[in-house]
Amino acid sequence: VAIGSLASSAEQGVAVGNFAQAGLLST
């Protein structure tokens, strides 16, 4: 799940916020 401008998320990760990133199994 990636929500926000340029947010990115790896498999089973959640990133919420502009430029937010989430690696594997990360929030």
mmCIF file of all heavy atoms, coordinates in Angstrom:
data_MODEL
# 
_entry.id   MODEL 
# 
loop_
_atom_site.group_PDB 
_atom_site.id 
_atom_site.type_symbol 
_atom_site.label_atom_id 
_atom_site.label_alt_id 
_atom_site.label_comp_id 
_atom_site.label_asym_id 
_atom_site.label_entity_id 
_atom_site.label_seq_id 
_atom_site.pdbx_PDB_ins_code 
_atom_site.Cartn_x 
_atom_site.Cartn_y 
_atom_site.Cartn_z 
_atom_site.occupancy 
_atom_site.B_iso_or_equiv 
_atom_site.pdbx_formal_charge 
_atom_site.auth_seq_id 
_atom_site.auth_comp_id 
_atom_site.auth_asym_id 
_atom_site.auth_atom_id 
_atom_site.pdbx_PDB_model_num 
ATOM 1   N N   . VAL A 1 1  ? 0.853  -1.179  0.000  1.00 0.00 ? 1  VAL A N   1 
ATOM 2   C CA  . VAL A 1 1  ? 0.000  0.000   0.000  1.00 0.00 ? 1  VAL A CA  1 
ATOM 3   C C   . VAL A 1 1  ? 0.892  1.231   0.000  1.00 0.00 ? 1  VAL A C   1 
ATOM 4   O O   . VAL A 1 1  ? 1.793  1.352   0.833  1.00 0.00 ? 1  VAL A O   1 
ATOM 5   C CB  . VAL A 1 1  ? -0.922 0.028   1.237  1.00 0.00 ? 1  VAL A CB  1 
ATOM 6   C CG1 . VAL A 1 1  ? -1.755 1.292   1.263  1.00 0.00 ? 1  VAL A CG1 1 
ATOM 7   C CG2 . VAL A 1 1  ? -1.803 -1.206  1.278  1.00 0.00 ? 1  VAL A CG2 1 
ATOM 8   N N   . ALA A 1 2  ? 0.647  2.138   -0.931 1.00 0.00 ? 2  ALA A N   1 
ATOM 9   C CA  . ALA A 1 2  ? 1.386  3.405   -0.990 1.00 0.00 ? 2  ALA A CA  1 
ATOM 10  C C   . ALA A 1 2  ? 0.375  4.520   -1.246 1.00 0.00 ? 2  ALA A C   1 
ATOM 11  O O   . ALA A 1 2  ? -0.319 4.506   -2.261 1.00 0.00 ? 2  ALA A O   1 
ATOM 12  C CB  . ALA A 1 2  ? 2.434  3.374   -2.084 1.00 0.00 ? 2  ALA A CB  1 
ATOM 13  N N   . ILE A 1 3  ? 0.277  5.456   -0.314 1.00 0.00 ? 3  ILE A N   1 
ATOM 14  C CA  . ILE A 1 3  ? -0.662 6.564   -0.433 1.00 0.00 ? 3  ILE A CA  1 
ATOM 15  C C   . ILE A 1 3  ? 0.104  7.867   -0.278 1.00 0.00 ? 3  ILE A C   1 
ATOM 16  O O   . ILE A 1 3  ? 0.759  8.085   0.747  1.00 0.00 ? 3  ILE A O   1 
ATOM 17  C CB  . ILE A 1 3  ? -1.764 6.474   0.646  1.00 0.00 ? 3  ILE A CB  1 
ATOM 18  C CG1 . ILE A 1 3  ? -2.536 5.159   0.509  1.00 0.00 ? 3  ILE A CG1 1 
ATOM 19  C CG2 . ILE A 1 3  ? -2.697 7.668   0.543  1.00 0.00 ? 3  ILE A CG2 1 
ATOM 20  C CD1 . ILE A 1 3  ? -3.483 4.886   1.654  1.00 0.00 ? 3  ILE A CD1 1 
ATOM 21  N N   . GLY A 1 4  ? 0.048  8.704   -1.287 1.00 0.00 ? 4  GLY A N   1 
ATOM 22  C CA  . GLY A 1 4  ? 0.726  9.998   -1.229 1.00 0.00 ? 4  GLY A CA  1 
ATOM 23  C C   . GLY A 1 4  ? 1.609  10.193  -2.446 1.00 0.00 ? 4  GLY A C   1 
ATOM 24  O O   . GLY A 1 4  ? 2.025  9.244   -3.103 1.00 0.00 ? 4  GLY A O   1 
ATOM 25  N N   . SER A 1 5  ? 1.898  11.428  -2.735 1.00 0.00 ? 5  SER A N   1 
ATOM 26  C CA  . SER A 1 5  ? 2.735  11.778  -3.874 1.00 0.00 ? 5  SER A CA  1 
ATOM 27  C C   . SER A 1 5  ? 4.114  11.142  -3.737 1.00 0.00 ? 5  SER A C   1 
ATOM 28  O O   . SER A 1 5  ? 4.804  11.311  -2.732 1.00 0.00 ? 5  SER A O   1 
ATOM 29  C CB  . SER A 1 5  ? 2.885  13.301  -3.956 1.00 0.00 ? 5  SER A CB  1 
ATOM 30  O OG  . SER A 1 5  ? 3.790  13.660  -4.964 1.00 0.00 ? 5  SER A OG  1 
ATOM 31  N N   . LEU A 1 6  ? 4.508  10.358  -4.727 1.00 0.00 ? 6  LEU A N   1 
ATOM 32  C CA  . LEU A 1 6  ? 5.795  9.672   -4.782 1.00 0.00 ? 6  LEU A CA  1 
ATOM 33  C C   . LEU A 1 6  ? 6.022  8.700   -3.623 1.00 0.00 ? 6  LEU A C   1 
ATOM 34  O O   . LEU A 1 6  ? 7.153  8.341   -3.305 1.00 0.00 ? 6  LEU A O   1 
ATOM 35  C CB  . LEU A 1 6  ? 6.954  10.669  -4.869 1.00 0.00 ? 6  LEU A CB  1 
ATOM 36  C CG  . LEU A 1 6  ? 6.938  11.581  -6.102 1.00 0.00 ? 6  LEU A CG  1 
ATOM 37  C CD1 . LEU A 1 6  ? 8.069  12.593  -6.019 1.00 0.00 ? 6  LEU A CD1 1 
ATOM 38  C CD2 . LEU A 1 6  ? 7.052  10.773  -7.382 1.00 0.00 ? 6  LEU A CD2 1 
ATOM 39  N N   . ALA A 1 7  ? 4.953  8.254   -2.973 1.00 0.00 ? 7  ALA A N   1 
ATOM 40  C CA  . ALA A 1 7  ? 5.079  7.224   -1.942 1.00 0.00 ? 7  ALA A CA  1 
ATOM 41  C C   . ALA A 1 7  ? 5.346  5.892   -2.624 1.00 0.00 ? 7  ALA A C   1 
ATOM 42  O O   . ALA A 1 7  ? 4.862  5.632   -3.718 1.00 0.00 ? 7  ALA A O   1 
ATOM 43  C CB  . ALA A 1 7  ? 3.808  7.144   -1.110 1.00 0.00 ? 7  ALA A CB  1 
ATOM 44  N N   . SER A 1 8  ? 6.160  5.028   -1.973 1.00 0.00 ? 8  SER A N   1 
ATOM 45  C CA  . SER A 1 8  ? 6.439  3.721   -2.547 1.00 0.00 ? 8  SER A CA  1 
ATOM 46  C C   . SER A 1 8  ? 6.499  2.684   -1.439 1.00 0.00 ? 8  SER A C   1 
ATOM 47  O O   . SER A 1 8  ? 6.905  2.969   -0.323 1.00 0.00 ? 8  SER A O   1 
ATOM 48  C CB  . SER A 1 8  ? 7.767  3.738   -3.320 1.00 0.00 ? 8  SER A CB  1 
ATOM 49  O OG  . SER A 1 8  ? 8.837  4.009   -2.451 1.00 0.00 ? 8  SER A OG  1 
ATOM 50  N N   . SER A 1 9  ? 6.100  1.472   -1.779 1.00 0.00 ? 9  SER A N   1 
ATOM 51  C CA  . SER A 1 9  ? 6.071  0.415   -0.784 1.00 0.00 ? 9  SER A CA  1 
ATOM 52  C C   . SER A 1 9  ? 6.495  -0.901  -1.404 1.00 0.00 ? 9  SER A C   1 
ATOM 53  O O   . SER A 1 9  ? 6.097  -1.243  -2.510 1.00 0.00 ? 9  SER A O   1 
ATOM 54  C CB  . SER A 1 9  ? 4.668  0.284   -0.207 1.00 0.00 ? 9  SER A CB  1 
ATOM 55  O OG  . SER A 1 9  ? 4.613  -0.760  0.730  1.00 0.00 ? 9  SER A OG  1 
ATOM 56  N N   . ALA A 1 10 ? 7.331  -1.641  -0.681 1.00 0.00 ? 10 ALA A N   1 
ATOM 57  C CA  . ALA A 1 10 ? 7.728  -2.975  -1.108 1.00 0.00 ? 10 ALA A CA  1 
ATOM 58  C C   . ALA A 1 10 ? 6.617  -3.953  -0.759 1.00 0.00 ? 10 ALA A C   1 
ATOM 59  O O   . ALA A 1 10 ? 5.626  -3.598  -0.127 1.00 0.00 ? 10 ALA A O   1 
ATOM 60  C CB  . ALA A 1 10 ? 9.030  -3.373  -0.423 1.00 0.00 ? 10 ALA A CB  1 
ATOM 61  N N   . GLU A 1 11 ? 6.823  -5.196  -1.130 1.00 0.00 ? 11 GLU A N   1 
ATOM 62  C CA  . GLU A 1 11 ? 5.854  -6.245  -0.854 1.00 0.00 ? 11 GLU A CA  1 
ATOM 63  C C   . GLU A 1 11 ? 5.501  -6.285  0.638  1.00 0.00 ? 11 GLU A C   1 
ATOM 64  O O   . GLU A 1 11 ? 6.372  -6.252  1.495  1.00 0.00 ? 11 GLU A O   1 
ATOM 65  C CB  . GLU A 1 11 ? 6.451  -7.582  -1.280 1.00 0.00 ? 11 GLU A CB  1 
ATOM 66  C CG  . GLU A 1 11 ? 5.536  -8.754  -1.081 1.00 0.00 ? 11 GLU A CG  1 
ATOM 67  C CD  . GLU A 1 11 ? 6.167  -10.053 -1.572 1.00 0.00 ? 11 GLU A CD  1 
ATOM 68  O OE1 . GLU A 1 11 ? 7.175  -10.006 -2.282 1.00 0.00 ? 11 GLU A OE1 1 
ATOM 69  O OE2 . GLU A 1 11 ? 5.625  -11.099 -1.202 1.00 0.00 ? 11 GLU A OE2 1 
ATOM 70  N N   . GLN A 1 12 ? 4.236  -6.317  0.941  1.00 0.00 ? 12 GLN A N   1 
ATOM 71  C CA  . GLN A 1 12 ? 3.702  -6.380  2.292  1.00 0.00 ? 12 GLN A CA  1 
ATOM 72  C C   . GLN A 1 12 ? 4.142  -5.203  3.163  1.00 0.00 ? 12 GLN A C   1 
ATOM 73  O O   . GLN A 1 12 ? 4.295  -5.321  4.369  1.00 0.00 ? 12 GLN A O   1 
ATOM 74  C CB  . GLN A 1 12 ? 4.079  -7.708  2.947  1.00 0.00 ? 12 GLN A CB  1 
ATOM 75  C CG  . GLN A 1 12 ? 3.519  -8.904  2.218  1.00 0.00 ? 12 GLN A CG  1 
ATOM 76  C CD  . GLN A 1 12 ? 3.904  -10.206 2.873  1.00 0.00 ? 12 GLN A CD  1 
ATOM 77  O OE1 . GLN A 1 12 ? 4.415  -10.247 3.969  1.00 0.00 ? 12 GLN A OE1 1 
ATOM 78  N NE2 . GLN A 1 12 ? 3.650  -11.302 2.182  1.00 0.00 ? 12 GLN A NE2 1 
ATOM 79  N N   . GLY A 1 13 ? 4.329  -4.061  2.535  1.00 0.00 ? 13 GLY A N   1 
ATOM 80  C CA  . GLY A 1 13 ? 4.674  -2.856  3.266  1.00 0.00 ? 13 GLY A CA  1 
ATOM 81  C C   . GLY A 1 13 ? 3.601  -1.803  3.088  1.00 0.00 ? 13 GLY A C   1 
ATOM 82  O O   . GLY A 1 13 ? 2.800  -1.858  2.156  1.00 0.00 ? 13 GLY A O   1 
ATOM 83  N N   . VAL A 1 14 ? 3.562  -0.815  4.001  1.00 0.00 ? 14 VAL A N   1 
ATOM 84  C CA  . VAL A 1 14 ? 2.589  0.265   3.938  1.00 0.00 ? 14 VAL A CA  1 
ATOM 85  C C   . VAL A 1 14 ? 3.324  1.589   4.039  1.00 0.00 ? 14 VAL A C   1 
ATOM 86  O O   . VAL A 1 14 ? 4.088  1.814   4.993  1.00 0.00 ? 14 VAL A O   1 
ATOM 87  C CB  . VAL A 1 14 ? 1.560  0.163   5.085  1.00 0.00 ? 14 VAL A CB  1 
ATOM 88  C CG1 . VAL A 1 14 ? 0.611  1.336   5.056  1.00 0.00 ? 14 VAL A CG1 1 
ATOM 89  C CG2 . VAL A 1 14 ? 0.801  -1.153  5.014  1.00 0.00 ? 14 VAL A CG2 1 
ATOM 90  N N   . ALA A 1 15 ? 3.119  2.462   3.059  1.00 0.00 ? 15 ALA A N   1 
ATOM 91  C CA  . ALA A 1 15 ? 3.712  3.800   3.063  1.00 0.00 ? 15 ALA A CA  1 
ATOM 92  C C   . ALA A 1 15 ? 2.600  4.821   2.880  1.00 0.00 ? 15 ALA A C   1 
ATOM 93  O O   . ALA A 1 15 ? 1.874  4.778   1.907  1.00 0.00 ? 15 ALA A O   1 
ATOM 94  C CB  . ALA A 1 15 ? 4.744  3.938   1.946  1.00 0.00 ? 15 ALA A CB  1 
ATOM 95  N N   . VAL A 1 16 ? 2.474  5.750   3.855  1.00 0.00 ? 16 VAL A N   1 
ATOM 96  C CA  . VAL A 1 16 ? 1.441  6.777   3.797  1.00 0.00 ? 16 VAL A CA  1 
ATOM 97  C C   . VAL A 1 16 ? 2.110  8.127   3.992  1.00 0.00 ? 16 VAL A C   1 
ATOM 98  O O   . VAL A 1 16 ? 2.710  8.384   5.047  1.00 0.00 ? 16 VAL A O   1 
ATOM 99  C CB  . VAL A 1 16 ? 0.364  6.561   4.881  1.00 0.00 ? 16 VAL A CB  1 
ATOM 100 C CG1 . VAL A 1 16 ? -0.674 7.664   4.831  1.00 0.00 ? 16 VAL A CG1 1 
ATOM 101 C CG2 . VAL A 1 16 ? -0.292 5.190   4.735  1.00 0.00 ? 16 VAL A CG2 1 
ATOM 102 N N   . GLY A 1 17 ? 2.045  8.977   2.986  1.00 0.00 ? 17 GLY A N   1 
ATOM 103 C CA  . GLY A 1 17 ? 2.624  10.312  3.068  1.00 0.00 ? 17 GLY A CA  1 
ATOM 104 C C   . GLY A 1 17 ? 3.452  10.615  1.838  1.00 0.00 ? 17 GLY A C   1 
ATOM 105 O O   . GLY A 1 17 ? 4.003  9.715   1.203  1.00 0.00 ? 17 GLY A O   1 
ATOM 106 N N   . ASN A 1 18 ? 3.527  11.876  1.492  1.00 0.00 ? 18 ASN A N   1 
ATOM 107 C CA  . ASN A 1 18 ? 4.331  12.269  0.347  1.00 0.00 ? 18 ASN A CA  1 
ATOM 108 C C   . ASN A 1 18 ? 5.787  11.855  0.562  1.00 0.00 ? 18 ASN A C   1 
ATOM 109 O O   . ASN A 1 18 ? 6.357  12.087  1.625  1.00 0.00 ? 18 ASN A O   1 
ATOM 110 C CB  . ASN A 1 18 ? 4.252  13.774  0.117  1.00 0.00 ? 18 ASN A CB  1 
ATOM 111 C CG  . ASN A 1 18 ? 2.865  14.202  -0.325 1.00 0.00 ? 18 ASN A CG  1 
ATOM 112 O OD1 . ASN A 1 18 ? 2.031  13.375  -0.695 1.00 0.00 ? 18 ASN A OD1 1 
ATOM 113 N ND2 . ASN A 1 18 ? 2.606  15.494  -0.282 1.00 0.00 ? 18 ASN A ND2 1 
ATOM 114 N N   . PHE A 1 19 ? 6.369  11.228  -0.431 1.00 0.00 ? 19 PHE A N   1 
ATOM 115 C CA  . PHE A 1 19 ? 7.752  10.749  -0.425 1.00 0.00 ? 19 PHE A CA  1 
ATOM 116 C C   . PHE A 1 19 ? 8.013  9.653   0.607  1.00 0.00 ? 19 PHE A C   1 
ATOM 117 O O   . PHE A 1 19 ? 9.167  9.318   0.872  1.00 0.00 ? 19 PHE A O   1 
ATOM 118 C CB  . PHE A 1 19 ? 8.748  11.901  -0.217 1.00 0.00 ? 19 PHE A CB  1 
ATOM 119 C CG  . PHE A 1 19 ? 8.598  13.006  -1.211 1.00 0.00 ? 19 PHE A CG  1 
ATOM 120 C CD1 . PHE A 1 19 ? 7.952  14.181  -0.859 1.00 0.00 ? 19 PHE A CD1 1 
ATOM 121 C CD2 . PHE A 1 19 ? 9.090  12.877  -2.494 1.00 0.00 ? 19 PHE A CD2 1 
ATOM 122 C CE1 . PHE A 1 19 ? 7.796  15.211  -1.771 1.00 0.00 ? 19 PHE A CE1 1 
ATOM 123 C CE2 . PHE A 1 19 ? 8.945  13.902  -3.424 1.00 0.00 ? 19 PHE A CE2 1 
ATOM 124 C CZ  . PHE A 1 19 ? 8.294  15.073  -3.061 1.00 0.00 ? 19 PHE A CZ  1 
ATOM 125 N N   . ALA A 1 20 ? 6.984  9.104   1.207  1.00 0.00 ? 20 ALA A N   1 
ATOM 126 C CA  . ALA A 1 20 ? 7.169  8.019   2.177  1.00 0.00 ? 20 ALA A CA  1 
ATOM 127 C C   . ALA A 1 20 ? 7.588  6.741   1.451  1.00 0.00 ? 20 ALA A C   1 
ATOM 128 O O   . ALA A 1 20 ? 7.158  6.489   0.331  1.00 0.00 ? 20 ALA A O   1 
ATOM 129 C CB  . ALA A 1 20 ? 5.883  7.783   2.964  1.00 0.00 ? 20 ALA A CB  1 
ATOM 130 N N   . GLN A 1 21 ? 8.429  5.933   2.115  1.00 0.00 ? 21 GLN A N   1 
ATOM 131 C CA  . GLN A 1 21 ? 8.862  4.653   1.567  1.00 0.00 ? 21 GLN A CA  1 
ATOM 132 C C   . GLN A 1 21 ? 8.695  3.584   2.641  1.00 0.00 ? 21 GLN A C   1 
ATOM 133 O O   . GLN A 1 21 ? 8.904  3.849   3.819  1.00 0.00 ? 21 GLN A O   1 
ATOM 134 C CB  . GLN A 1 21 ? 10.348 4.676   1.186  1.00 0.00 ? 21 GLN A CB  1 
ATOM 135 C CG  . GLN A 1 21 ? 10.742 5.697   0.170  1.00 0.00 ? 21 GLN A CG  1 
ATOM 136 C CD  . GLN A 1 21 ? 12.232 5.578   -0.091 1.00 0.00 ? 21 GLN A CD  1 
ATOM 137 O OE1 . GLN A 1 21 ? 12.687 4.616   -0.692 1.00 0.00 ? 21 GLN A OE1 1 
ATOM 138 N NE2 . GLN A 1 21 ? 12.997 6.543   0.395  1.00 0.00 ? 21 GLN A NE2 1 
ATOM 139 N N   . ALA A 1 22 ? 8.369  2.393   2.207  1.00 0.00 ? 22 ALA A N   1 
ATOM 140 C CA  . ALA A 1 22 ? 8.273  1.280   3.155  1.00 0.00 ? 22 ALA A CA  1 
ATOM 141 C C   . ALA A 1 22 ? 8.892  0.046   2.525  1.00 0.00 ? 22 ALA A C   1 
ATOM 142 O O   . ALA A 1 22 ? 8.489  -0.376  1.448  1.00 0.00 ? 22 ALA A O   1 
ATOM 143 C CB  . ALA A 1 22 ? 6.824  1.016   3.533  1.00 0.00 ? 22 ALA A CB  1 
ATOM 144 N N   . GLY A 1 23 ? 9.895  -0.518  3.185  1.00 0.00 ? 23 GLY A N   1 
ATOM 145 C CA  . GLY A 1 23 ? 10.519 -1.748  2.728  1.00 0.00 ? 23 GLY A CA  1 
ATOM 146 C C   . GLY A 1 23 ? 9.653  -2.940  3.064  1.00 0.00 ? 23 GLY A C   1 
ATOM 147 O O   . GLY A 1 23 ? 8.537  -2.811  3.585  1.00 0.00 ? 23 GLY A O   1 
ATOM 148 N N   . LEU A 1 24 ? 10.168 -4.120  2.814  1.00 0.00 ? 24 LEU A N   1 
ATOM 149 C CA  . LEU A 1 24 ? 9.474  -5.368  3.079  1.00 0.00 ? 24 LEU A CA  1 
ATOM 150 C C   . LEU A 1 24 ? 9.017  -5.428  4.536  1.00 0.00 ? 24 LEU A C   1 
ATOM 151 O O   . LEU A 1 24 ? 9.810  -5.190  5.454  1.00 0.00 ? 24 LEU A O   1 
ATOM 152 C CB  . LEU A 1 24 ? 10.397 -6.550  2.769  1.00 0.00 ? 24 LEU A CB  1 
ATOM 153 C CG  . LEU A 1 24 ? 9.864  -7.940  3.083  1.00 0.00 ? 24 LEU A CG  1 
ATOM 154 C CD1 . LEU A 1 24 ? 8.681  -8.265  2.170  1.00 0.00 ? 24 LEU A CD1 1 
ATOM 155 C CD2 . LEU A 1 24 ? 10.960 -8.975  2.908  1.00 0.00 ? 24 LEU A CD2 1 
ATOM 156 N N   . LEU A 1 25 ? 7.767  -5.711  4.754  1.00 0.00 ? 25 LEU A N   1 
ATOM 157 C CA  . LEU A 1 25 ? 7.171  -5.840  6.084  1.00 0.00 ? 25 LEU A CA  1 
ATOM 158 C C   . LEU A 1 25 ? 7.372  -4.599  6.952  1.00 0.00 ? 25 LEU A C   1 
ATOM 159 O O   . LEU A 1 25 ? 7.533  -4.683  8.156  1.00 0.00 ? 25 LEU A O   1 
ATOM 160 C CB  . LEU A 1 25 ? 7.720  -7.073  6.798  1.00 0.00 ? 25 LEU A CB  1 
ATOM 161 C CG  . LEU A 1 25 ? 7.520  -8.403  6.082  1.00 0.00 ? 25 LEU A CG  1 
ATOM 162 C CD1 . LEU A 1 25 ? 8.240  -9.523  6.811  1.00 0.00 ? 25 LEU A CD1 1 
ATOM 163 C CD2 . LEU A 1 25 ? 6.043  -8.732  5.916  1.00 0.00 ? 25 LEU A CD2 1 
ATOM 164 N N   . SER A 1 26 ? 7.375  -3.433  6.328  1.00 0.00 ? 26 SER A N   1 
ATOM 165 C CA  . SER A 1 26 ? 7.580  -2.165  7.037  1.00 0.00 ? 26 SER A CA  1 
ATOM 166 C C   . SER A 1 26 ? 6.350  -1.288  6.936  1.00 0.00 ? 26 SER A C   1 
ATOM 167 O O   . SER A 1 26 ? 5.532  -1.426  6.033  1.00 0.00 ? 26 SER A O   1 
ATOM 168 C CB  . SER A 1 26 ? 8.775  -1.411  6.442  1.00 0.00 ? 26 SER A CB  1 
ATOM 169 O OG  . SER A 1 26 ? 9.973  -2.107  6.684  1.00 0.00 ? 26 SER A OG  1 
ATOM 170 N N   . THR A 1 27 ? 6.250  -0.342  7.882  1.00 0.00 ? 27 THR A N   1 
ATOM 171 C CA  . THR A 1 27 ? 5.179  0.641   7.879  1.00 0.00 ? 27 THR A CA  1 
ATOM 172 C C   . THR A 1 27 ? 5.794  2.015   8.047  1.00 0.00 ? 27 THR A C   1 
ATOM 173 O O   . THR A 1 27 ? 6.572  2.242   8.975  1.00 0.00 ? 27 THR A O   1 
ATOM 174 C CB  . THR A 1 27 ? 4.191  0.390   9.035  1.00 0.00 ? 27 THR A CB  1 
ATOM 175 O OG1 . THR A 1 27 ? 3.656  -0.929  8.910  1.00 0.00 ? 27 THR A OG1 1 
ATOM 176 C CG2 . THR A 1 27 ? 3.063  1.407   9.018  1.00 0.00 ? 27 THR A CG2 1 
# 
